[in-house]
Amino acid sequence: MVINSVIKNLSFPKFIPPLSVQIYLLFVVSLCISGVIIYFTNVNNLRKNEEAVLFKTIFLAQQSLLEFISGNTVRLRQIIESNHYQMVQQMPEDAKILLENKESFTKVKIFRIQSNYGFCLEYLGMDFVALKDYEEELFEDNGLNVWFFLNFLVLLLIFSIVLALLQPLKVLQNALQEFTKGNYKIKIPVPKEPQQAQLASSFNTMSAKISKLMMTREFVLRNIGHELKTPISKAKLALEMMPDNPQKAIVARCVSNLNNLTSQILTFEKIQEGGDLLVWSEFDVETLILDALEHLFLEEEELEIQIQESFKIYGDLQFLSIALKNLIENAKKYKSRGKIVVQARLEKGFENMVTWGLPQEKSEFFVLNVCNFGAPLKQSIFYYFEPFSREDTHTLIQGYGLGLGILKGILELHHLGFGYHYALESQEKPQEGIHCFKIIFPKGVKLWKS
C-alpha cells in the first residue's frame, strides 16, 4: 500500500515528440517489424526446404542401395544421373553426418557439406558415394521476399507523401513562432492543396489584420504620449506661475490625476508588448523595496519593513518596483488603520490561499508580503486584476483600477507567482481583517529569462 501511494504521488514529465518525429519513428518501427517477419519467414522456409531435401536424399539412398547390393551398376548410374547427382571417390572429410543406418552387411550414411547433400553406401567392403548441390532448392524464394520488398516501397511512398503533406504545417509552425516573437507582418506561401491553402490564407489574413491593429495601437499610444503629456506639462508650468487662490489646489489635483492616469495606461499597454522590453539584472530584495519606496510619499509611522530572509532577485528592477509600488499604494488607499507591513521571508506552503503562477516542482518559496488592515473584498481577487475594475464603494478613493492589472502583467513577464490571503483579526469584528498580498519567488531558481 505504501509503495502504491508513493507511485501515485510521483509526477513524471510528459514528453510528446513532434509529429514529424512520430512519423519517422512509425516508419522505422514498420521497417523493423517487416524485417523481423522476413527473417523468421526465411528461417522457417529454409528449415522446411532442408527437411524436404533430406527426405529426397534418404529416398534416393534407399533406391541406390538396392541396386548397389544386386550389383546392377548400370541401373545405379542411371538413378544417380537422372537425379543430377555426382559420384565421388569418397565422402569429404569435413562433411557433417546427418543420419547413419548400420545393418549386418550394409551401412548407409547421409551427410551434408555446405549446400551439398549426399549419401555413402557400404557393402561387403565396397563403397559408393554421391552428392548434389541443393543451393537452389534450399534457398528457393516463394514470393514472400518480393512481397516484402513491395511493402517496403509502399511504406516509403506513404512516408514521403505524409512528409510532403506535413511540410506546410511545419512552415505554419515556424511562422507562428515568429508571430509570437512580434513579427506580425510575416506571411506564408499558399500551397495547392485546398484545405492547406485555406489554412494558409486564413493565417495570412489574420496576420495582416493583427499587424494593422498593432500599428494602430502604436500610433494611438504615441499620440497619447505626445498629445496628452505635452498639455499636462504645460498645465503644470502654468499652475506654478498662477497666483494662489482657492481653485488652484483643485486644478493641481485634477492635473495630477490626469497625469497619473496617462502614465498608468501607458505602463499597462507597454507591459502587453511582452518580455523583450525587460532589462534583466540581479539585485537584492532590499534594493527592490527601497526603489519602490522612493516613488511613494509615506510617513515613517505608516510603514513597517521586516526582512526575515534576504534573497537575490533576477528580473527588471524598474518593472518589479512598479509592481511592488502598486501593492503598497493600494494598501495605503484601502487600509482602515494601522501600519502597512512589507515583509520578506521564506515560506513552505500556501494552504487556504488564492495563488497562481507557482511551479509544481517547488516546495519552498521566497515571498515579498504587503499586508494591511481593511474591510473584506466584495469580489474575488481575480476580479480586481481586470483593467478599470473597482468596487462601487471606492468611488471616493483616488484610483483607476489599473494597479493590480499592471502587477499581474509584470509578474507574468517574470514567471513569478502571486498569492492573496485574508484573515479576520477576531470574530467579534467581522467587518475588518488583514489583507496579505504576496509576490512569490521560487527558491533556487535564479534565471527566469525566457
Protein backbone atom coordinates (compact mmCIF):
# COMPACT_ATOMS: atom_id res chain seq x y z
CA MET A 1 0.00 0.00 0.00
CA VAL A 2 2.84 2.37 0.86
CA ILE A 3 4.57 1.67 -2.47
CA ASN A 4 1.31 2.28 -4.37
CA SER A 5 0.79 5.62 -2.64
CA VAL A 6 4.36 6.68 -3.39
CA ILE A 7 3.95 5.74 -7.07
CA LYS A 8 0.70 7.73 -7.28
CA ASN A 9 2.40 10.80 -5.81
CA LEU A 10 5.29 10.63 -8.25
CA SER A 11 4.97 13.01 -11.17
CA PHE A 12 6.67 12.00 -14.41
CA PRO A 13 7.31 14.55 -17.14
CA LYS A 14 5.03 14.05 -20.12
CA PHE A 15 7.07 14.24 -23.29
CA ILE A 16 5.24 14.14 -26.59
CA PRO A 17 7.61 14.23 -29.58
CA PRO A 18 6.79 16.41 -32.60
CA LEU A 19 4.52 14.95 -35.26
CA SER A 20 7.37 14.59 -37.77
CA VAL A 21 9.41 12.63 -35.23
CA GLN A 22 6.41 10.40 -34.53
CA ILE A 23 6.10 9.66 -38.26
CA TYR A 24 9.83 8.89 -38.51
CA LEU A 25 9.53 6.52 -35.55
CA LEU A 26 6.45 4.88 -37.07
CA PHE A 27 8.32 4.36 -40.34
CA VAL A 28 11.36 2.88 -38.56
CA VAL A 29 9.15 0.61 -36.43
CA SER A 30 7.32 -0.57 -39.58
CA LEU A 31 10.64 -1.39 -41.25
CA CYS A 32 11.84 -3.25 -38.15
CA ILE A 33 8.64 -5.29 -37.95
CA SER A 34 8.85 -6.10 -41.68
CA GLY A 35 12.50 -7.11 -41.28
CA VAL A 36 11.70 -9.41 -38.35
CA ILE A 37 8.85 -11.02 -40.28
CA ILE A 38 11.10 -11.53 -43.33
CA TYR A 39 13.86 -13.04 -41.19
CA PHE A 40 11.66 -15.56 -39.39
CA THR A 41 9.79 -16.40 -42.59
CA ASN A 42 13.04 -17.14 -44.41
CA VAL A 43 14.32 -19.19 -41.47
CA ASN A 44 11.11 -21.21 -41.46
CA ASN A 45 11.26 -21.72 -45.24
CA LEU A 46 14.91 -22.79 -45.02
CA ARG A 47 14.04 -25.34 -42.35
CA LYS A 48 11.22 -26.78 -44.48
CA ASN A 49 13.46 -26.90 -47.55
CA GLU A 50 16.18 -28.68 -45.57
CA GLU A 51 13.67 -31.29 -44.41
CA ALA A 52 12.45 -31.80 -47.99
CA VAL A 53 16.00 -32.17 -49.36
CA LEU A 54 16.89 -34.58 -46.56
CA PHE A 55 13.82 -36.69 -47.36
CA LYS A 56 14.76 -36.80 -51.07
CA THR A 57 18.32 -37.80 -50.25
CA ILE A 58 17.17 -40.62 -47.93
CA PHE A 59 14.72 -41.92 -50.54
CA LEU A 60 17.38 -41.86 -53.26
CA ALA A 61 19.89 -43.61 -50.96
CA GLN A 62 17.40 -46.41 -50.34
CA GLN A 63 16.82 -46.90 -54.09
CA SER A 64 20.53 -46.82 -54.80
CA LEU A 65 21.26 -49.33 -52.01
CA LEU A 66 19.05 -51.98 -53.63
CA GLU A 67 20.83 -51.64 -56.99
CA PHE A 68 24.24 -51.47 -55.25
CA ILE A 69 23.59 -54.76 -53.39
CA SER A 70 22.35 -56.51 -56.55
CA GLY A 71 25.42 -55.31 -58.46
CA ASN A 72 23.37 -53.55 -61.16
CA THR A 73 25.82 -50.71 -61.75
CA VAL A 74 24.12 -49.62 -64.99
CA ARG A 75 20.82 -49.06 -63.24
CA LEU A 76 22.62 -47.41 -60.30
CA ARG A 77 24.35 -44.96 -62.65
CA GLN A 78 21.03 -44.15 -64.34
CA ILE A 79 19.38 -43.37 -60.98
CA ILE A 80 22.28 -41.11 -59.98
CA GLU A 81 22.41 -39.22 -63.27
CA SER A 82 18.63 -38.83 -63.59
CA ASN A 83 18.58 -37.12 -60.19
CA HIS A 84 21.58 -34.93 -61.13
CA TYR A 85 23.90 -36.42 -58.50
CA GLN A 86 27.61 -36.67 -58.91
CA MET A 87 29.65 -39.74 -57.96
CA VAL A 88 32.80 -39.07 -55.93
CA GLN A 89 35.60 -41.32 -54.73
CA GLN A 90 34.97 -40.86 -51.03
CA MET A 91 32.93 -38.86 -48.54
CA PRO A 92 34.52 -35.42 -47.81
CA GLU A 93 36.36 -35.30 -44.51
CA ASP A 94 34.62 -32.12 -43.29
CA ALA A 95 31.15 -33.43 -44.13
CA LYS A 96 28.53 -33.45 -41.36
CA ILE A 97 26.76 -36.78 -40.94
CA LEU A 98 23.02 -36.21 -40.58
CA LEU A 99 21.81 -39.85 -40.44
CA GLU A 100 23.58 -43.20 -40.19
CA ASN A 101 22.00 -46.68 -40.54
CA LYS A 102 24.12 -49.82 -39.97
CA GLU A 103 22.95 -53.42 -40.51
CA SER A 104 24.72 -56.78 -40.85
CA PHE A 105 26.38 -56.26 -44.24
CA THR A 106 25.30 -52.75 -45.20
CA LYS A 107 25.92 -49.24 -43.89
CA VAL A 108 24.22 -46.06 -45.09
CA LYS A 109 25.36 -42.51 -44.20
CA ILE A 110 23.51 -39.30 -45.11
CA PHE A 111 25.81 -36.28 -44.96
CA ARG A 112 25.90 -32.57 -45.72
CA ILE A 113 28.69 -30.20 -46.62
CA GLN A 114 27.57 -26.56 -47.07
CA SER A 115 24.69 -26.71 -49.58
CA ASN A 116 25.64 -30.20 -50.83
CA TYR A 117 23.67 -33.24 -49.66
CA GLY A 118 24.82 -36.79 -50.34
CA PHE A 119 24.95 -40.41 -49.21
CA CYS A 120 27.59 -43.06 -48.69
CA LEU A 121 26.76 -46.75 -49.22
CA GLU A 122 28.99 -49.56 -47.87
CA TYR A 123 28.51 -53.27 -48.68
CA LEU A 124 30.98 -56.12 -48.16
CA GLY A 125 34.00 -53.83 -48.23
CA MET A 126 32.77 -51.89 -51.25
CA ASP A 127 31.52 -48.27 -51.00
CA PHE A 128 29.61 -45.85 -53.21
CA VAL A 129 29.43 -42.06 -52.63
CA ALA A 130 27.25 -39.50 -54.44
CA LEU A 131 26.25 -35.91 -53.69
CA LYS A 132 24.34 -33.00 -55.17
CA ASP A 133 24.32 -29.22 -54.72
CA TYR A 134 20.86 -28.25 -53.46
CA GLU A 135 21.53 -24.49 -53.19
CA GLU A 136 18.61 -23.52 -55.43
CA GLU A 137 16.19 -25.82 -53.61
CA LEU A 138 17.34 -24.71 -50.14
CA PHE A 139 17.07 -21.00 -50.82
CA GLU A 140 14.11 -21.19 -53.11
CA ASP A 141 12.10 -17.92 -52.99
CA ASN A 142 8.38 -18.46 -52.62
CA GLY A 143 7.49 -14.84 -53.42
CA LEU A 144 7.43 -13.50 -49.86
CA ASN A 145 10.66 -11.58 -50.29
CA VAL A 146 9.23 -9.84 -53.35
CA TRP A 147 6.06 -9.07 -51.43
CA PHE A 148 8.01 -7.60 -48.55
CA PHE A 149 10.13 -5.54 -50.93
CA LEU A 150 6.96 -4.13 -52.49
CA ASN A 151 5.66 -3.49 -48.99
CA PHE A 152 8.83 -1.51 -48.24
CA LEU A 153 8.36 0.56 -51.38
CA VAL A 154 4.73 1.28 -50.42
CA LEU A 155 5.79 2.33 -46.90
CA LEU A 156 8.47 4.59 -48.33
CA LEU A 157 5.96 6.14 -50.73
CA ILE A 158 3.40 6.73 -47.96
CA PHE A 159 6.12 8.15 -45.71
CA SER A 160 7.21 10.58 -48.44
CA ILE A 161 3.62 11.66 -49.13
CA VAL A 162 2.88 12.25 -45.44
CA LEU A 163 6.06 14.32 -45.02
CA ALA A 164 5.13 16.35 -48.08
CA LEU A 165 1.66 16.95 -46.62
CA LEU A 166 3.17 17.99 -43.28
CA GLN A 167 5.64 20.44 -44.81
CA PRO A 168 3.07 23.30 -45.00
CA LEU A 169 2.22 22.67 -41.33
CA LYS A 170 5.90 22.98 -40.45
CA VAL A 171 6.03 26.26 -42.37
CA LEU A 172 2.95 27.41 -40.46
CA GLN A 173 4.54 26.39 -37.15
CA ASN A 174 7.70 28.40 -37.92
CA ALA A 175 5.53 31.36 -38.93
CA LEU A 176 3.58 31.13 -35.65
CA GLN A 177 6.83 31.10 -33.68
CA GLU A 178 7.92 34.26 -35.48
CA PHE A 179 4.46 35.69 -34.88
CA THR A 180 4.76 35.16 -31.12
CA LYS A 181 8.10 36.99 -31.18
CA GLY A 182 6.35 40.10 -32.50
CA ASN A 183 6.83 39.71 -36.25
CA TYR A 184 3.17 40.43 -37.11
CA LYS A 185 3.86 41.13 -40.78
CA ILE A 186 5.00 37.59 -41.60
CA LYS A 187 3.24 35.72 -44.40
CA ILE A 188 3.44 32.12 -45.57
CA PRO A 189 3.16 30.70 -49.11
CA VAL A 190 -0.23 29.28 -50.07
CA PRO A 191 0.04 25.58 -51.13
CA LYS A 192 -2.06 23.95 -53.85
CA GLU A 193 -3.91 21.51 -51.57
CA PRO A 194 -7.35 23.11 -50.89
CA GLN A 195 -7.57 22.66 -47.10
CA GLN A 196 -3.96 23.69 -46.53
CA ALA A 197 -4.44 26.63 -48.87
CA GLN A 198 -7.46 27.74 -46.84
CA LEU A 199 -5.43 27.44 -43.60
CA ALA A 200 -2.52 29.44 -45.06
CA SER A 201 -4.88 32.12 -46.43
CA SER A 202 -6.61 32.41 -43.04
CA PHE A 203 -3.24 32.81 -41.31
CA ASN A 204 -2.12 35.49 -43.77
CA THR A 205 -5.43 37.35 -43.32
CA MET A 206 -5.13 37.13 -39.52
CA SER A 207 -1.52 38.30 -39.66
CA ALA A 208 -2.45 41.28 -41.82
CA LYS A 209 -5.35 42.30 -39.54
CA ILE A 210 -3.32 41.95 -36.34
CA SER A 211 -0.42 43.81 -37.92
CA LYS A 212 -2.78 46.64 -38.81
CA LEU A 213 -4.23 46.63 -35.28
CA MET A 214 -0.75 46.74 -33.73
CA MET A 215 0.25 49.65 -35.96
CA THR A 216 -2.94 51.48 -34.96
CA ARG A 217 -2.26 50.71 -31.30
CA GLU A 218 1.30 52.04 -31.54
CA PHE A 219 0.03 55.14 -33.33
CA VAL A 220 -2.59 55.76 -30.61
CA LEU A 221 -0.04 55.23 -27.81
CA ARG A 222 2.41 57.62 -29.42
CA ASN A 223 -0.33 60.21 -29.70
CA ILE A 224 -1.39 59.66 -26.09
CA GLY A 225 2.20 60.06 -25.00
CA HIS A 226 2.62 63.22 -27.04
CA GLU A 227 -0.79 64.85 -27.21
CA LEU A 228 -1.58 64.35 -23.50
CA LYS A 229 1.80 64.61 -21.84
CA THR A 230 2.63 67.91 -23.54
CA PRO A 231 -0.56 69.74 -22.43
CA ILE A 232 -0.19 68.26 -18.93
CA SER A 233 3.38 69.60 -18.70
CA LYS A 234 2.18 72.99 -19.88
CA ALA A 235 -0.64 72.90 -17.33
CA LYS A 236 1.85 72.11 -14.53
CA LEU A 237 4.04 75.02 -15.63
CA ALA A 238 1.03 77.34 -15.78
CA LEU A 239 -0.01 76.25 -12.26
CA GLU A 240 3.41 77.15 -10.91
CA MET A 241 3.05 80.66 -12.32
CA MET A 242 -0.58 81.03 -11.22
CA PRO A 243 -1.11 83.20 -8.11
CA ASP A 244 -2.52 81.46 -5.06
CA ASN A 245 -6.31 81.17 -4.98
CA PRO A 246 -8.89 78.63 -3.70
CA GLN A 247 -9.23 76.98 -7.13
CA LYS A 248 -5.50 76.35 -7.64
CA ALA A 249 -5.37 73.27 -5.39
CA ILE A 250 -8.38 71.70 -7.16
CA VAL A 251 -6.86 72.31 -10.61
CA ALA A 252 -3.49 70.93 -9.44
CA ARG A 253 -5.20 67.78 -8.15
CA CYS A 254 -7.05 67.31 -11.46
CA VAL A 255 -3.83 67.75 -13.46
CA SER A 256 -2.04 65.27 -11.17
CA ASN A 257 -4.85 62.73 -11.53
CA LEU A 258 -4.80 63.07 -15.32
CA ASN A 259 -1.02 62.66 -15.36
CA ASN A 260 -1.20 59.53 -13.17
CA LEU A 261 -3.95 58.02 -15.31
CA THR A 262 -1.99 58.65 -18.52
CA SER A 263 1.16 57.12 -17.02
CA GLN A 264 -0.69 54.02 -15.81
CA ILE A 265 -2.41 53.48 -19.18
CA LEU A 266 0.92 53.77 -21.00
CA THR A 267 2.57 51.39 -18.50
CA PHE A 268 -0.28 48.88 -18.82
CA GLU A 269 -0.11 48.94 -22.61
CA LYS A 270 3.68 48.72 -22.60
CA ILE A 271 3.55 45.56 -20.48
CA GLN A 272 1.34 43.87 -23.08
CA GLU A 273 4.24 44.00 -25.56
CA GLY A 274 5.94 41.05 -23.83
CA GLY A 275 9.25 40.14 -22.23
CA ASP A 276 11.50 41.73 -24.88
CA LEU A 277 11.20 45.12 -23.17
CA LEU A 278 12.63 43.85 -19.85
CA VAL A 279 16.16 44.77 -18.76
CA TRP A 280 17.37 41.78 -16.72
CA SER A 281 19.70 42.21 -13.77
CA GLU A 282 20.38 40.66 -10.36
CA PHE A 283 19.66 42.60 -7.17
CA ASP A 284 18.71 42.10 -3.51
CA VAL A 285 15.15 42.20 -2.23
CA GLU A 286 16.15 45.20 -0.08
CA THR A 287 17.08 47.08 -3.27
CA LEU A 288 13.64 46.38 -4.72
CA ILE A 289 11.87 47.62 -1.58
CA LEU A 290 13.92 50.83 -1.39
CA ASP A 291 13.44 51.55 -5.10
CA ALA A 292 9.66 51.18 -4.74
CA LEU A 293 9.55 53.39 -1.63
CA GLU A 294 11.45 56.18 -3.44
CA HIS A 295 8.37 56.75 -5.61
CA LEU A 296 5.92 56.83 -2.70
CA PHE A 297 5.06 59.52 -0.18
CA LEU A 298 4.74 57.61 3.08
CA GLU A 299 5.30 58.77 6.61
CA GLU A 300 7.54 56.68 8.83
CA GLU A 301 4.67 55.75 11.15
CA GLU A 302 2.64 54.39 8.20
CA LEU A 303 5.11 51.68 7.19
CA GLU A 304 6.89 48.74 8.81
CA ILE A 305 9.57 46.77 6.93
CA GLN A 306 10.50 43.26 8.09
CA ILE A 307 13.42 41.48 6.39
CA GLN A 308 13.21 38.00 7.88
CA GLU A 309 15.01 36.40 4.93
CA SER A 310 17.20 38.24 2.43
CA PHE A 311 17.36 36.82 -1.10
CA LYS A 312 18.50 37.63 -4.62
CA ILE A 313 16.09 38.53 -7.42
CA TYR A 314 16.75 38.24 -11.15
CA GLY A 315 14.50 40.48 -13.18
CA ASP A 316 13.75 44.03 -14.31
CA LEU A 317 14.19 46.30 -11.31
CA GLN A 318 12.10 49.11 -12.79
CA PHE A 319 9.04 46.99 -13.56
CA LEU A 320 9.19 44.93 -10.34
CA SER A 321 9.47 48.22 -8.47
CA ILE A 322 6.25 49.39 -10.18
CA ALA A 323 4.51 46.13 -9.17
CA LEU A 324 5.54 46.47 -5.51
CA LYS A 325 4.69 50.20 -5.51
CA ASN A 326 1.18 49.43 -6.77
CA LEU A 327 0.62 46.95 -3.93
CA ILE A 328 1.84 49.45 -1.32
CA GLU A 329 -0.28 52.24 -2.84
CA ASN A 330 -3.37 50.01 -2.71
CA ALA A 331 -2.61 49.15 0.90
CA LYS A 332 -2.33 52.86 1.72
CA LYS A 333 -5.59 53.74 -0.06
CA TYR A 334 -7.77 50.99 1.36
CA LYS A 335 -6.33 50.34 4.84
CA SER A 336 -8.66 51.07 7.74
CA ARG A 337 -5.99 51.59 10.38
CA GLY A 338 -2.50 50.59 11.49
CA LYS A 339 0.70 50.28 9.56
CA ILE A 340 1.42 48.80 6.16
CA VAL A 341 3.73 45.81 6.65
CA VAL A 342 6.25 44.97 3.90
CA GLN A 343 7.81 41.63 4.73
CA ALA A 344 10.48 39.47 3.02
CA ARG A 345 10.55 35.86 4.23
CA LEU A 346 10.81 32.17 3.30
CA GLU A 347 7.56 30.17 3.17
CA LYS A 348 6.90 26.46 2.53
CA GLY A 349 3.17 26.21 1.97
CA PHE A 350 0.18 28.22 0.82
CA GLU A 351 -2.82 26.43 2.27
CA ASN A 352 -6.17 28.27 2.37
CA MET A 353 -4.82 30.89 0.00
CA VAL A 354 -5.54 32.07 -3.54
CA THR A 355 -2.42 31.59 -5.70
CA TRP A 356 -1.40 31.40 -9.34
CA GLY A 357 1.84 31.05 -11.31
CA LEU A 358 3.54 28.63 -8.88
CA PRO A 359 5.72 25.81 -10.32
CA GLN A 360 4.54 22.40 -9.13
CA GLU A 361 8.04 21.01 -8.57
CA LYS A 362 8.98 23.62 -5.94
CA SER A 363 8.07 23.39 -2.25
CA GLU A 364 9.92 26.41 -0.80
CA PHE A 365 9.43 29.99 -1.93
CA PHE A 366 10.83 33.40 -1.12
CA VAL A 367 7.90 35.73 -0.56
CA LEU A 368 7.50 39.51 -0.51
CA ASN A 369 4.36 40.30 1.52
CA VAL A 370 2.38 43.54 1.63
CA CYS A 371 -0.18 43.43 4.45
CA ASN A 372 -2.74 45.93 5.79
CA PHE A 373 -5.93 46.12 7.84
CA GLY A 374 -9.14 46.62 5.90
CA ALA A 375 -12.66 45.51 5.10
CA PRO A 376 -13.10 42.23 3.19
CA LEU A 377 -13.28 42.33 -0.60
CA LYS A 378 -16.75 42.12 -2.12
CA GLN A 379 -15.48 40.31 -5.22
CA SER A 380 -12.98 37.54 -5.90
CA ILE A 381 -9.38 38.77 -6.06
CA PHE A 382 -9.26 37.85 -9.75
CA TYR A 383 -11.98 40.45 -10.45
CA TYR A 384 -9.59 43.26 -9.50
CA PHE A 385 -6.92 42.12 -11.95
CA GLU A 386 -9.12 43.26 -14.83
CA PRO A 387 -8.39 46.82 -16.05
CA PHE A 388 -10.58 49.57 -14.52
CA SER A 389 -12.24 47.14 -12.08
CA ARG A 390 -13.24 48.85 -8.82
CA GLU A 391 -15.92 48.45 -6.17
CA ASP A 392 -18.77 50.97 -6.09
CA THR A 393 -17.89 51.88 -2.50
CA HIS A 394 -14.41 53.01 -3.61
CA THR A 395 -15.55 55.78 -5.94
CA LEU A 396 -14.46 58.43 -3.44
CA ILE A 397 -10.95 56.94 -3.20
CA GLN A 398 -8.49 58.15 -5.79
CA GLY A 399 -7.60 55.38 -8.25
CA TYR A 400 -8.36 53.94 -11.66
CA GLY A 401 -8.43 50.15 -11.20
CA LEU A 402 -5.22 49.56 -13.16
CA GLY A 403 -2.76 48.81 -10.34
CA LEU A 404 -3.36 45.08 -9.95
CA GLY A 405 -3.69 44.61 -13.71
CA ILE A 406 -0.22 46.11 -14.14
CA LEU A 407 1.06 43.93 -11.28
CA LYS A 408 -0.32 40.77 -12.93
CA GLY A 409 1.29 41.61 -16.29
CA ILE A 410 4.70 42.28 -14.70
CA LEU A 411 4.66 39.04 -12.70
CA GLU A 412 3.66 37.02 -15.76
CA LEU A 413 6.56 38.53 -17.73
CA HIS A 414 8.93 37.39 -14.94
CA HIS A 415 7.24 33.98 -14.49
CA LEU A 416 6.67 34.80 -10.82
CA GLY A 417 3.78 33.72 -8.63
CA PHE A 418 1.14 35.66 -6.75
CA GLY A 419 -0.81 34.89 -3.60
CA TYR A 420 -3.59 36.52 -1.61
CA HIS A 421 -4.91 35.76 1.85
CA TYR A 422 -7.50 37.48 4.03
CA ALA A 423 -7.99 36.66 7.70
CA LEU A 424 -10.26 38.19 10.32
CA GLU A 425 -8.42 39.71 13.23
CA SER A 426 -11.16 38.49 15.56
CA GLN A 427 -14.64 37.00 15.26
CA GLU A 428 -16.00 40.00 17.15
CA LYS A 429 -15.09 42.31 14.23
CA PRO A 430 -16.17 40.52 11.02
CA GLN A 431 -16.09 43.81 9.10
CA GLU A 432 -12.30 44.13 9.42
CA GLY A 433 -9.36 41.80 8.83
CA ILE A 434 -5.85 41.58 7.44
CA HIS A 435 -5.20 41.59 3.68
CA CYS A 436 -1.95 39.95 2.67
CA PHE A 437 -0.72 40.22 -0.94
CA LYS A 438 2.27 38.05 -1.90
CA ILE A 439 4.83 38.28 -4.70
CA ILE A 440 6.30 34.76 -4.82
CA PHE A 441 9.83 33.89 -5.97
CA PRO A 442 10.61 30.13 -6.27
CA LYS A 443 13.63 29.24 -4.15
CA GLY A 444 16.69 28.05 -6.02
CA VAL A 445 15.58 29.48 -9.38
CA LYS A 446 17.92 32.25 -10.43
CA LEU A 447 17.23 32.72 -14.13
CA TRP A 448 13.68 33.26 -15.28
CA LYS A 449 14.57 34.96 -18.54
CA SER A 450 12.68 33.23 -21.39
